Amino acid sequence: MNKRIGQRPYWFLAVLFLTLFGIGAAADTAQAHTRAEIGPYVAIVGWEIEPPIVGERNQIVVILHEGETPVIGAEASLAAEVLYAGRSFRSNLIPTVTPGYYHIEILPTVRGQYSVRLFGTLGDMEIDEVVDPEPVFAAERLQFPETQPEPRELVQRLDALEDDLQTARTLALAGVVVGVIGLLTAVFTLLKAKREA
């Protein structure tokens, strides 16, 4: 009987710890999403896989509620655009099995801040709202043991190599032309010397 009483505090502390840890983890996840109030609606926008990394397929999650009620069927009247540095990627909202949850398939190719523009209608209300989820990070942030260059950096290196190669070709062509001119001058000088002798 004394043995059971002595075990209860440990079970209680373990359950309390796991509960508090779970609440803390849920709060961290929720902080990475951005909340926007649009009239009676609430839009929560964030990345499915966090942190979002360059070159990794991901989804932008859009959660829509009116008060406490999930907004169902928003894909019929609401569209989305992903914006980055003056460029845009238009997409439909793809509904998930969870009511009020939608996603946008995307493979971010550049690090930095992306924005999501939601536009169209919800109910009778015109919507045109821009929300900024968490920025996309370089892949080197998670690469181990060696970091790999980003695709954009590789393209820049290839462009620089192509420029260097073009310069080398131009110099080689100039060298061939100068060599041919030198050879012709030598042949001309020899022929002239033979005639004079």
C-alpha atoms as a PDB file:
ATOM      1  CA  MET A   1       0.000   0.000   0.000  1.00  0.00           C
ATOM      2  CA  ASN A   2       2.809   2.426   0.805  1.00  0.00           C
ATOM      3  CA  LYS A   3       4.478   1.495  -2.456  1.00  0.00           C
ATOM      4  CA  ARG A   4       1.520   2.773  -4.539  1.00  0.00           C
ATOM      5  CA  ILE A   5       1.340   6.064  -2.685  1.00  0.00           C
ATOM      6  CA  GLY A   6       5.065   6.631  -3.305  1.00  0.00           C
ATOM      7  CA  GLN A   7       4.658   6.057  -7.089  1.00  0.00           C
ATOM      8  CA  ARG A   8       1.800   8.520  -7.639  1.00  0.00           C
ATOM      9  CA  PRO A   9       3.895  11.699  -7.459  1.00  0.00           C
ATOM     10  CA  TYR A  10       6.231  10.379 -10.173  1.00  0.00           C
ATOM     11  CA  TRP A  11       3.351   9.576 -12.525  1.00  0.00           C
ATOM     12  CA  PHE A  12       1.772  12.920 -11.777  1.00  0.00           C
ATOM     13  CA  LEU A  13       5.033  14.778 -12.465  1.00  0.00           C
ATOM     14  CA  ALA A  14       5.595  12.818 -15.690  1.00  0.00           C
ATOM     15  CA  VAL A  15       2.078  13.621 -16.960  1.00  0.00           C
ATOM     16  CA  LEU A  16       2.454  17.266 -15.930  1.00  0.00           C
ATOM     17  CA  PHE A  17       5.825  17.534 -17.699  1.00  0.00           C
ATOM     18  CA  LEU A  18       4.523  15.941 -20.919  1.00  0.00           C
ATOM     19  CA  THR A  19       1.444  18.184 -20.879  1.00  0.00           C
ATOM     20  CA  LEU A  20       3.487  21.355 -20.426  1.00  0.00           C
ATOM     21  CA  PHE A  21       6.016  20.222 -23.047  1.00  0.00           C
ATOM     22  CA  GLY A  22       3.182  19.540 -25.526  1.00  0.00           C
ATOM     23  CA  ILE A  23       1.615  22.955 -24.907  1.00  0.00           C
ATOM     24  CA  GLY A  24       5.003  24.644 -25.374  1.00  0.00           C
ATOM     25  CA  ALA A  25       5.646  22.771 -28.643  1.00  0.00           C
ATOM     26  CA  ALA A  26       2.188  23.678 -29.943  1.00  0.00           C
ATOM     27  CA  ALA A  27       2.761  27.329 -29.051  1.00  0.00           C
ATOM     28  CA  ASP A  28       6.083  27.341 -30.966  1.00  0.00           C
ATOM     29  CA  THR A  29       4.375  25.892 -34.058  1.00  0.00           C
ATOM     30  CA  ALA A  30       1.564  28.422 -33.898  1.00  0.00           C
ATOM     31  CA  GLN A  31       4.049  31.322 -33.573  1.00  0.00           C
ATOM     32  CA  ALA A  32       5.636  30.445 -36.924  1.00  0.00           C
ATOM     33  CA  HIS A  33       2.296  31.071 -38.703  1.00  0.00           C
ATOM     34  CA  THR A  34       0.968  34.550 -39.444  1.00  0.00           C
ATOM     35  CA  ARG A  35      -2.575  35.505 -38.478  1.00  0.00           C
ATOM     36  CA  ALA A  36      -4.598  38.080 -40.439  1.00  0.00           C
ATOM     37  CA  GLU A  37      -8.076  39.286 -39.533  1.00  0.00           C
ATOM     38  CA  ILE A  38     -10.151  40.031 -42.619  1.00  0.00           C
ATOM     39  CA  GLY A  39     -13.541  41.353 -41.545  1.00  0.00           C
ATOM     40  CA  PRO A  40     -15.330  38.449 -39.817  1.00  0.00           C
ATOM     41  CA  TYR A  41     -12.747  35.976 -41.163  1.00  0.00           C
ATOM     42  CA  VAL A  42      -9.389  34.903 -39.799  1.00  0.00           C
ATOM     43  CA  ALA A  43      -6.643  33.635 -42.124  1.00  0.00           C
ATOM     44  CA  ILE A  44      -3.623  31.867 -40.664  1.00  0.00           C
ATOM     45  CA  VAL A  45      -0.786  31.373 -43.154  1.00  0.00           C
ATOM     46  CA  GLY A  46       2.437  29.419 -42.694  1.00  0.00           C
ATOM     47  CA  TRP A  47       4.617  26.634 -44.061  1.00  0.00           C
ATOM     48  CA  GLU A  48       3.736  22.950 -43.706  1.00  0.00           C
ATOM     49  CA  ILE A  49       7.387  22.017 -43.118  1.00  0.00           C
ATOM     50  CA  GLU A  50       9.271  24.466 -40.927  1.00  0.00           C
ATOM     51  CA  PRO A  51      11.724  25.948 -41.290  1.00  0.00           C
ATOM     52  CA  PRO A  52      11.156  26.259 -45.037  1.00  0.00           C
ATOM     53  CA  ILE A  53      14.381  25.500 -46.938  1.00  0.00           C
ATOM     54  CA  VAL A  54      15.470  26.468 -50.465  1.00  0.00           C
ATOM     55  CA  GLY A  55      15.142  23.594 -52.915  1.00  0.00           C
ATOM     56  CA  GLU A  56      12.827  21.485 -50.755  1.00  0.00           C
ATOM     57  CA  ARG A  57       9.257  20.859 -51.833  1.00  0.00           C
ATOM     58  CA  ASN A  58       6.854  22.361 -49.326  1.00  0.00           C
ATOM     59  CA  GLN A  59       3.298  23.606 -48.922  1.00  0.00           C
ATOM     60  CA  ILE A  60       1.973  26.919 -47.753  1.00  0.00           C
ATOM     61  CA  VAL A  61      -0.866  26.220 -45.348  1.00  0.00           C
ATOM     62  CA  VAL A  62      -3.870  28.560 -45.297  1.00  0.00           C
ATOM     63  CA  ILE A  63      -6.341  28.086 -42.438  1.00  0.00           C
ATOM     64  CA  LEU A  64      -9.629  29.978 -42.761  1.00  0.00           C
ATOM     65  CA  HIS A  65     -12.204  30.529 -40.004  1.00  0.00           C
ATOM     66  CA  GLU A  66     -15.259  32.707 -39.524  1.00  0.00           C
ATOM     67  CA  GLY A  67     -15.347  33.123 -35.772  1.00  0.00           C
ATOM     68  CA  GLU A  68     -14.843  29.567 -34.495  1.00  0.00           C
ATOM     69  CA  THR A  69     -16.314  27.933 -37.627  1.00  0.00           C
ATOM     70  CA  PRO A  70     -13.956  26.585 -40.334  1.00  0.00           C
ATOM     71  CA  VAL A  71     -14.598  28.044 -43.784  1.00  0.00           C
ATOM     72  CA  ILE A  72     -15.456  25.160 -46.128  1.00  0.00           C
ATOM     73  CA  GLY A  73     -15.441  25.445 -49.931  1.00  0.00           C
ATOM     74  CA  ALA A  74     -13.248  28.560 -50.100  1.00  0.00           C
ATOM     75  CA  GLU A  75     -11.368  27.065 -53.061  1.00  0.00           C
ATOM     76  CA  ALA A  76     -14.391  27.822 -55.272  1.00  0.00           C
ATOM     77  CA  SER A  77     -14.241  31.601 -54.803  1.00  0.00           C
ATOM     78  CA  LEU A  78     -10.821  32.391 -53.346  1.00  0.00           C
ATOM     79  CA  ALA A  79      -7.484  32.184 -55.179  1.00  0.00           C
ATOM     80  CA  ALA A  80      -3.909  32.624 -54.032  1.00  0.00           C
ATOM     81  CA  GLU A  81      -0.711  34.126 -55.388  1.00  0.00           C
ATOM     82  CA  VAL A  82       2.740  33.577 -53.928  1.00  0.00           C
ATOM     83  CA  LEU A  83       4.815  36.746 -54.328  1.00  0.00           C
ATOM     84  CA  TYR A  84       8.578  37.167 -54.248  1.00  0.00           C
ATOM     85  CA  ALA A  85      10.649  40.170 -55.411  1.00  0.00           C
ATOM     86  CA  GLY A  86       8.135  41.362 -58.001  1.00  0.00           C
ATOM     87  CA  ARG A  87       7.395  37.874 -59.311  1.00  0.00           C
ATOM     88  CA  SER A  88       4.200  35.939 -58.746  1.00  0.00           C
ATOM     89  CA  PHE A  89       3.080  32.311 -58.770  1.00  0.00           C
ATOM     90  CA  ARG A  90      -0.673  31.874 -59.018  1.00  0.00           C
ATOM     91  CA  SER A  91      -2.244  28.828 -57.440  1.00  0.00           C
ATOM     92  CA  ASN A  92      -5.577  27.414 -56.405  1.00  0.00           C
ATOM     93  CA  LEU A  93      -6.270  26.737 -52.766  1.00  0.00           C
ATOM     94  CA  ILE A  94      -6.260  22.954 -52.416  1.00  0.00           C
ATOM     95  CA  PRO A  95      -8.615  21.749 -49.663  1.00  0.00           C
ATOM     96  CA  THR A  96      -7.375  19.133 -47.186  1.00  0.00           C
ATOM     97  CA  VAL A  97      -9.327  16.563 -45.176  1.00  0.00           C
ATOM     98  CA  THR A  98      -9.399  19.002 -42.242  1.00  0.00           C
ATOM     99  CA  PRO A  99     -12.246  21.527 -42.662  1.00  0.00           C
ATOM    100  CA  GLY A 100     -10.943  25.074 -43.113  1.00  0.00           C
ATOM    101  CA  TYR A 101      -7.419  23.921 -44.002  1.00  0.00           C
ATOM    102  CA  TYR A 102      -6.051  24.565 -47.497  1.00  0.00           C
ATOM    103  CA  HIS A 103      -2.600  24.366 -49.006  1.00  0.00           C
ATOM    104  CA  ILE A 104      -0.551  25.659 -51.926  1.00  0.00           C
ATOM    105  CA  GLU A 105       2.108  23.343 -53.401  1.00  0.00           C
ATOM    106  CA  ILE A 106       5.438  25.112 -53.924  1.00  0.00           C
ATOM    107  CA  LEU A 107       9.167  24.460 -54.211  1.00  0.00           C
ATOM    108  CA  PRO A 108      10.940  27.643 -53.052  1.00  0.00           C
ATOM    109  CA  THR A 109      14.061  28.236 -55.120  1.00  0.00           C
ATOM    110  CA  VAL A 110      15.376  31.389 -53.435  1.00  0.00           C
ATOM    111  CA  ARG A 111      15.802  32.260 -49.770  1.00  0.00           C
ATOM    112  CA  GLY A 112      14.043  35.253 -48.295  1.00  0.00           C
ATOM    113  CA  GLN A 113      10.567  36.560 -47.568  1.00  0.00           C
ATOM    114  CA  TYR A 114       7.692  35.220 -49.630  1.00  0.00           C
ATOM    115  CA  SER A 115       4.193  36.702 -49.412  1.00  0.00           C
ATOM    116  CA  VAL A 116       0.813  35.106 -49.998  1.00  0.00           C
ATOM    117  CA  ARG A 117      -1.958  37.149 -51.579  1.00  0.00           C
ATOM    118  CA  LEU A 118      -5.462  35.821 -51.021  1.00  0.00           C
ATOM    119  CA  PHE A 119      -8.026  37.331 -53.353  1.00  0.00           C
ATOM    120  CA  GLY A 120     -11.579  36.680 -54.474  1.00  0.00           C
ATOM    121  CA  THR A 121     -14.656  36.399 -52.289  1.00  0.00           C
ATOM    122  CA  LEU A 122     -15.685  34.707 -49.068  1.00  0.00           C
ATOM    123  CA  GLY A 123     -19.451  34.787 -48.667  1.00  0.00           C
ATOM    124  CA  ASP A 124     -20.464  38.273 -49.818  1.00  0.00           C
ATOM    125  CA  MET A 125     -17.137  39.856 -48.917  1.00  0.00           C
ATOM    126  CA  GLU A 126     -14.435  40.828 -51.425  1.00  0.00           C
ATOM    127  CA  ILE A 127     -11.030  39.652 -50.230  1.00  0.00           C
ATOM    128  CA  ASP A 128      -7.615  41.002 -51.253  1.00  0.00           C
ATOM    129  CA  GLU A 129      -5.146  40.402 -48.445  1.00  0.00           C
ATOM    130  CA  VAL A 130      -1.365  39.876 -48.400  1.00  0.00           C
ATOM    131  CA  VAL A 131       0.118  37.766 -45.585  1.00  0.00           C
ATOM    132  CA  ASP A 132       3.832  37.080 -44.937  1.00  0.00           C
ATOM    133  CA  PRO A 133       4.679  33.600 -43.627  1.00  0.00           C
ATOM    134  CA  GLU A 134       8.074  32.706 -42.136  1.00  0.00           C
ATOM    135  CA  PRO A 135      11.021  33.485 -44.474  1.00  0.00           C
ATOM    136  CA  VAL A 136      12.650  30.716 -46.522  1.00  0.00           C
ATOM    137  CA  PHE A 137      16.145  29.804 -45.340  1.00  0.00           C
ATOM    138  CA  ALA A 138      19.244  28.624 -47.200  1.00  0.00           C
ATOM    139  CA  ALA A 139      19.715  24.857 -47.226  1.00  0.00           C
ATOM    140  CA  GLU A 140      23.105  25.261 -45.502  1.00  0.00           C
ATOM    141  CA  ARG A 141      21.205  25.976 -42.294  1.00  0.00           C
ATOM    142  CA  LEU A 142      20.428  22.259 -41.941  1.00  0.00           C
ATOM    143  CA  GLN A 143      23.102  20.591 -44.060  1.00  0.00           C
ATOM    144  CA  PHE A 144      25.576  18.366 -42.271  1.00  0.00           C
ATOM    145  CA  PRO A 145      28.459  17.485 -42.291  1.00  0.00           C
ATOM    146  CA  GLU A 146      29.276  19.543 -45.407  1.00  0.00           C
ATOM    147  CA  THR A 147      27.204  22.363 -46.834  1.00  0.00           C
ATOM    148  CA  GLN A 148      26.331  22.390 -50.511  1.00  0.00           C
ATOM    149  CA  PRO A 149      26.017  25.564 -52.604  1.00  0.00           C
ATOM    150  CA  GLU A 150      22.535  26.840 -53.398  1.00  0.00           C
ATOM    151  CA  PRO A 151      21.233  26.303 -56.953  1.00  0.00           C
ATOM    152  CA  ARG A 152      21.301  30.065 -57.568  1.00  0.00           C
ATOM    153  CA  GLU A 153      24.954  30.217 -56.469  1.00  0.00           C
ATOM    154  CA  LEU A 154      25.792  27.328 -58.842  1.00  0.00           C
ATOM    155  CA  VAL A 155      24.131  29.176 -61.732  1.00  0.00           C
ATOM    156  CA  GLN A 156      26.164  32.294 -60.926  1.00  0.00           C
ATOM    157  CA  ARG A 157      29.363  30.235 -60.834  1.00  0.00           C
ATOM    158  CA  LEU A 158      28.495  28.615 -64.179  1.00  0.00           C
ATOM    159  CA  ASP A 159      27.791  32.031 -65.710  1.00  0.00           C
ATOM    160  CA  ALA A 160      31.196  33.271 -64.476  1.00  0.00           C
ATOM    161  CA  LEU A 161      32.895  30.160 -65.919  1.00  0.00           C
ATOM    162  CA  GLU A 162      31.128  30.685 -69.265  1.00  0.00           C
ATOM    163  CA  ASP A 163      32.357  34.302 -69.324  1.00  0.00           C
ATOM    164  CA  ASP A 164      35.907  33.137 -68.546  1.00  0.00           C
ATOM    165  CA  LEU A 165      35.660  30.464 -71.241  1.00  0.00           C
ATOM    166  CA  GLN A 166      34.466  33.017 -73.802  1.00  0.00           C
ATOM    167  CA  THR A 167      37.384  35.303 -72.897  1.00  0.00           C
ATOM    168  CA  ALA A 168      39.810  32.382 -73.293  1.00  0.00           C
ATOM    169  CA  ARG A 169      38.312  31.524 -76.698  1.00  0.00           C
ATOM    170  CA  THR A 170      38.670  35.130 -77.831  1.00  0.00           C
ATOM    171  CA  LEU A 171      42.293  35.241 -76.674  1.00  0.00           C
ATOM    172  CA  ALA A 172      43.015  31.873 -78.347  1.00  0.00           C
ATOM    173  CA  LEU A 173      41.503  33.074 -81.623  1.00  0.00           C
ATOM    174  CA  ALA A 174      43.539  36.280 -81.407  1.00  0.00           C
ATOM    175  CA  GLY A 175      46.664  34.170 -80.780  1.00  0.00           C
ATOM    176  CA  VAL A 176      45.932  32.006 -83.832  1.00  0.00           C
ATOM    177  CA  VAL A 177      45.417  35.108 -86.001  1.00  0.00           C
ATOM    178  CA  VAL A 178      48.677  36.663 -84.762  1.00  0.00           C
ATOM    179  CA  GLY A 179      50.464  33.320 -85.340  1.00  0.00           C
ATOM    180  CA  VAL A 180      49.139  33.036 -88.925  1.00  0.00           C
ATOM    181  CA  ILE A 181      50.156  36.634 -89.608  1.00  0.00           C
ATOM    182  CA  GLY A 182      53.646  35.896 -88.193  1.00  0.00           C
ATOM    183  CA  LEU A 183      53.927  32.711 -90.289  1.00  0.00           C
ATOM    184  CA  LEU A 184      52.846  34.537 -93.463  1.00  0.00           C
ATOM    185  CA  THR A 185      55.319  37.335 -92.710  1.00  0.00           C
ATOM    186  CA  ALA A 186      58.116  34.778 -92.241  1.00  0.00           C
ATOM    187  CA  VAL A 187      57.228  32.971 -95.506  1.00  0.00           C
ATOM    188  CA  PHE A 188      57.010  36.298 -97.363  1.00  0.00           C
ATOM    189  CA  THR A 189      60.391  37.395 -95.926  1.00  0.00           C
ATOM    190  CA  LEU A 190      62.032  34.073 -96.939  1.00  0.00           C
ATOM    191  CA  LEU A 191      60.660  34.232-100.470  1.00  0.00           C
ATOM    192  CA  LYS A 192      61.798  37.846-100.807  1.00  0.00           C
ATOM    193  CA  ALA A 193      65.280  36.925 -99.522  1.00  0.00           C
ATOM    194  CA  LYS A 194      65.564  34.060-102.052  1.00  0.00           C
ATOM    195  CA  ARG A 195      64.625  36.306-104.945  1.00  0.00           C
ATOM    196  CA  GLU A 196      67.172  38.922-103.952  1.00  0.00           C
ATOM    197  CA  ALA A 197      69.949  36.358-103.591  1.00  0.00           C
END
